[in-house]
Amino acid sequence: MSFAMLIRFRRAACIAFSRHPIARLHRGWASFTAEHVNQSIGIADLLLPPLTLLMLMLFLFGSVPGAGDMIAAACATACLP
């Protein structure tokens, strides 16, 4: 692969990523939480993953019947002496 071809692939990936809904969500989140998008790390960057995990867990428990029992059984099996 030539260097020019790699540059074309990178440019196409940047264009595709910038139009992706997750990229738009990230830019919206960054503009909401910080003045500069290129900020190194902020409190919102630390809180977003745990809050997302909590929302996914609540969605799982609310949408799948018996999910709590299945998780409890798996944890009990994994914790056997």
N, C-alpha and C. Protein backbone atom coordinates (compact mmCIF):
# COMPACT_ATOMS: atom_id res chain seq x y z
N MET A 1 0.83 -1.17 0.00
CA MET A 1 0.00 0.00 0.00
C MET A 1 0.88 1.25 0.00
N SER A 2 0.53 2.18 -0.81
CA SER A 2 1.33 3.40 -0.87
C SER A 2 0.86 4.40 0.18
N PHE A 3 1.70 5.37 0.41
CA PHE A 3 1.39 6.41 1.39
C PHE A 3 0.19 7.24 0.95
N ALA A 4 0.09 7.52 -0.34
CA ALA A 4 -1.04 8.31 -0.86
C ALA A 4 -2.36 7.56 -0.66
N MET A 5 -2.33 6.25 -0.83
CA MET A 5 -3.55 5.47 -0.62
C MET A 5 -3.96 5.49 0.85
N LEU A 6 -2.98 5.43 1.75
CA LEU A 6 -3.28 5.51 3.18
C LEU A 6 -3.89 6.86 3.54
N ILE A 7 -3.39 7.91 2.93
CA ILE A 7 -3.95 9.24 3.18
C ILE A 7 -5.40 9.31 2.69
N ARG A 8 -5.68 8.71 1.52
CA ARG A 8 -7.06 8.69 1.02
C ARG A 8 -7.98 7.92 1.96
N PHE A 9 -7.52 6.76 2.46
CA PHE A 9 -8.32 5.98 3.39
C PHE A 9 -8.58 6.75 4.68
N ARG A 10 -7.55 7.45 5.17
CA ARG A 10 -7.71 8.23 6.39
C ARG A 10 -8.72 9.36 6.19
N ARG A 11 -8.63 10.03 5.05
CA ARG A 11 -9.56 11.11 4.76
C ARG A 11 -10.99 10.59 4.65
N ALA A 12 -11.18 9.45 4.00
CA ALA A 12 -12.52 8.86 3.88
C ALA A 12 -13.05 8.44 5.25
N ALA A 13 -12.18 7.92 6.10
CA ALA A 13 -12.60 7.53 7.44
C ALA A 13 -12.99 8.75 8.27
N CYS A 14 -12.25 9.83 8.12
CA CYS A 14 -12.59 11.05 8.86
C CYS A 14 -13.93 11.61 8.41
N ILE A 15 -14.18 11.58 7.12
CA ILE A 15 -15.46 12.07 6.61
C ILE A 15 -16.59 11.18 7.10
N ALA A 16 -16.40 9.87 7.03
CA ALA A 16 -17.45 8.94 7.47
C ALA A 16 -17.70 9.08 8.96
N PHE A 17 -16.63 9.24 9.75
CA PHE A 17 -16.81 9.34 11.19
C PHE A 17 -17.50 10.64 11.56
N SER A 18 -17.18 11.70 10.84
CA SER A 18 -17.77 12.99 11.20
C SER A 18 -19.26 13.03 10.94
N ARG A 19 -19.75 12.19 10.02
CA ARG A 19 -21.19 12.16 9.73
C ARG A 19 -21.92 11.10 10.55
N HIS A 20 -21.19 10.30 11.27
CA HIS A 20 -21.79 9.23 12.05
C HIS A 20 -22.54 9.81 13.25
N PRO A 21 -23.69 9.22 13.62
CA PRO A 21 -24.46 9.75 14.75
C PRO A 21 -23.68 9.76 16.07
N ILE A 22 -22.78 8.80 16.26
CA ILE A 22 -22.01 8.78 17.50
C ILE A 22 -21.02 9.94 17.52
N ALA A 23 -20.47 10.28 16.36
CA ALA A 23 -19.57 11.43 16.30
C ALA A 23 -20.33 12.71 16.61
N ARG A 24 -21.54 12.81 16.11
CA ARG A 24 -22.36 13.98 16.41
C ARG A 24 -22.70 14.04 17.89
N LEU A 25 -23.01 12.88 18.50
CA LEU A 25 -23.29 12.83 19.93
C LEU A 25 -22.06 13.24 20.73
N HIS A 26 -20.88 12.76 20.32
CA HIS A 26 -19.65 13.12 21.02
C HIS A 26 -19.38 14.61 20.92
N ARG A 27 -19.55 15.19 19.73
CA ARG A 27 -19.33 16.63 19.58
C ARG A 27 -20.35 17.42 20.39
N GLY A 28 -21.60 16.96 20.43
CA GLY A 28 -22.61 17.64 21.23
C GLY A 28 -22.29 17.56 22.71
N TRP A 29 -21.85 16.37 23.16
CA TRP A 29 -21.48 16.20 24.56
C TRP A 29 -20.29 17.09 24.91
N ALA A 30 -19.31 17.16 24.02
CA ALA A 30 -18.12 17.97 24.27
C ALA A 30 -18.47 19.46 24.31
N SER A 31 -19.36 19.89 23.44
CA SER A 31 -19.72 21.31 23.46
C SER A 31 -20.59 21.64 24.67
N PHE A 32 -21.30 20.67 25.19
CA PHE A 32 -22.13 20.90 26.37
C PHE A 32 -21.30 20.93 27.64
N THR A 33 -20.24 20.13 27.71
CA THR A 33 -19.49 19.99 28.96
C THR A 33 -18.24 20.85 29.03
N ALA A 34 -17.72 21.32 27.90
CA ALA A 34 -16.46 22.06 27.94
C ALA A 34 -16.50 23.19 26.92
N GLU A 35 -15.65 24.16 27.15
CA GLU A 35 -15.54 25.25 26.19
C GLU A 35 -14.76 24.83 24.96
N HIS A 36 -13.74 24.01 25.16
CA HIS A 36 -12.89 23.57 24.06
C HIS A 36 -13.08 22.08 23.84
N VAL A 37 -13.22 21.68 22.59
CA VAL A 37 -13.41 20.27 22.26
C VAL A 37 -12.12 19.48 22.50
N ASN A 38 -10.97 20.11 22.33
CA ASN A 38 -9.69 19.42 22.47
C ASN A 38 -9.16 19.43 23.90
N GLN A 39 -10.03 19.55 24.87
CA GLN A 39 -9.60 19.53 26.26
C GLN A 39 -9.10 18.12 26.60
N SER A 40 -8.08 18.02 27.44
CA SER A 40 -7.46 16.72 27.69
C SER A 40 -8.42 15.76 28.40
N ILE A 41 -8.92 16.09 29.58
CA ILE A 41 -9.87 15.22 30.28
C ILE A 41 -10.68 16.10 31.23
N GLY A 42 -11.92 15.77 31.37
CA GLY A 42 -12.79 16.54 32.24
C GLY A 42 -13.64 15.62 33.09
N ILE A 43 -14.41 16.22 33.97
CA ILE A 43 -15.26 15.43 34.87
C ILE A 43 -16.33 14.68 34.07
N ALA A 44 -16.80 15.26 32.99
CA ALA A 44 -17.81 14.58 32.17
C ALA A 44 -17.25 13.34 31.51
N ASP A 45 -15.97 13.37 31.13
CA ASP A 45 -15.35 12.20 30.53
C ASP A 45 -15.21 11.06 31.54
N LEU A 46 -15.08 11.40 32.80
CA LEU A 46 -14.98 10.38 33.83
C LEU A 46 -16.34 9.82 34.23
N LEU A 47 -17.37 10.64 34.15
CA LEU A 47 -18.70 10.20 34.57
C LEU A 47 -19.50 9.51 33.48
N LEU A 48 -19.21 9.77 32.23
CA LEU A 48 -20.01 9.22 31.15
C LEU A 48 -20.00 7.69 31.09
N PRO A 49 -18.86 7.00 31.16
CA PRO A 49 -18.90 5.52 31.08
C PRO A 49 -19.69 4.85 32.22
N PRO A 50 -19.50 5.24 33.50
CA PRO A 50 -20.30 4.58 34.54
C PRO A 50 -21.79 4.87 34.42
N LEU A 51 -22.14 6.09 34.03
CA LEU A 51 -23.56 6.41 33.88
C LEU A 51 -24.17 5.64 32.71
N THR A 52 -23.41 5.46 31.64
CA THR A 52 -23.90 4.68 30.51
C THR A 52 -24.09 3.23 30.91
N LEU A 53 -23.15 2.68 31.66
CA LEU A 53 -23.28 1.30 32.13
C LEU A 53 -24.49 1.15 33.04
N LEU A 54 -24.72 2.10 33.90
CA LEU A 54 -25.89 2.06 34.78
C LEU A 54 -27.18 2.10 33.97
N MET A 55 -27.24 2.93 32.95
CA MET A 55 -28.44 3.00 32.12
C MET A 55 -28.66 1.69 31.37
N LEU A 56 -27.59 1.08 30.86
CA LEU A 56 -27.73 -0.19 30.17
C LEU A 56 -28.19 -1.30 31.11
N MET A 57 -27.69 -1.29 32.34
CA MET A 57 -28.12 -2.30 33.31
C MET A 57 -29.59 -2.13 33.66
N LEU A 58 -30.03 -0.90 33.87
CA LEU A 58 -31.43 -0.65 34.16
C LEU A 58 -32.32 -1.05 33.00
N PHE A 59 -31.87 -0.80 31.78
CA PHE A 59 -32.61 -1.21 30.60
C PHE A 59 -32.71 -2.74 30.53
N LEU A 60 -31.61 -3.42 30.84
CA LEU A 60 -31.60 -4.89 30.82
C LEU A 60 -32.56 -5.44 31.86
N PHE A 61 -32.49 -4.91 33.08
CA PHE A 61 -33.37 -5.42 34.13
C PHE A 61 -34.84 -5.13 33.85
N GLY A 62 -35.11 -4.01 33.17
CA GLY A 62 -36.49 -3.66 32.89
C GLY A 62 -37.07 -4.35 31.67
N SER A 63 -36.22 -4.74 30.73
CA SER A 63 -36.75 -5.27 29.48
C SER A 63 -36.70 -6.79 29.37
N VAL A 64 -35.79 -7.43 30.08
CA VAL A 64 -35.65 -8.89 29.98
C VAL A 64 -36.22 -9.52 31.24
N PRO A 65 -37.29 -10.31 31.11
CA PRO A 65 -37.85 -10.93 32.31
C PRO A 65 -36.89 -11.98 32.87
N GLY A 66 -36.66 -11.92 34.15
CA GLY A 66 -35.78 -12.88 34.82
C GLY A 66 -34.31 -12.58 34.68
N ALA A 67 -33.94 -11.39 34.20
CA ALA A 67 -32.53 -11.05 34.02
C ALA A 67 -31.81 -11.00 35.36
N GLY A 68 -32.46 -10.47 36.38
CA GLY A 68 -31.84 -10.40 37.70
C GLY A 68 -31.55 -11.78 38.27
N ASP A 69 -32.50 -12.71 38.07
CA ASP A 69 -32.29 -14.07 38.56
C ASP A 69 -31.16 -14.77 37.81
N MET A 70 -31.06 -14.52 36.50
CA MET A 70 -29.99 -15.13 35.72
C MET A 70 -28.63 -14.60 36.15
N ILE A 71 -28.53 -13.32 36.39
CA ILE A 71 -27.27 -12.72 36.81
C ILE A 71 -26.90 -13.22 38.21
N ALA A 72 -27.89 -13.31 39.10
CA ALA A 72 -27.62 -13.81 40.45
C ALA A 72 -27.15 -15.28 40.42
N ALA A 73 -27.74 -16.09 39.54
CA ALA A 73 -27.33 -17.49 39.43
C ALA A 73 -25.90 -17.58 38.88
N ALA A 74 -25.58 -16.75 37.91
CA ALA A 74 -24.22 -16.76 37.34
C ALA A 74 -23.20 -16.32 38.38
N CYS A 75 -23.54 -15.31 39.18
CA CYS A 75 -22.61 -14.85 40.21
C CYS A 75 -22.45 -15.91 41.30
N ALA A 76 -23.53 -16.58 41.66
CA ALA A 76 -23.46 -17.63 42.67
C ALA A 76 -22.60 -18.79 42.18
N THR A 77 -22.72 -19.13 40.91
CA THR A 77 -21.90 -20.20 40.34
C THR A 77 -20.43 -19.81 40.30
N ALA A 78 -20.15 -18.57 39.96
CA ALA A 78 -18.77 -18.11 39.87
C ALA A 78 -18.11 -17.99 41.25
N CYS A 79 -18.90 -17.81 42.28
CA CYS A 79 -18.35 -17.61 43.62
C CYS A 79 -18.32 -18.88 44.45
N LEU A 80 -18.54 -20.05 43.84
CA LEU A 80 -18.49 -21.29 44.58
C LEU A 80 -17.07 -21.55 45.07
N PRO A 81 -16.91 -22.07 46.30
CA PRO A 81 -15.55 -22.32 46.80
C PRO A 81 -14.90 -23.54 46.15
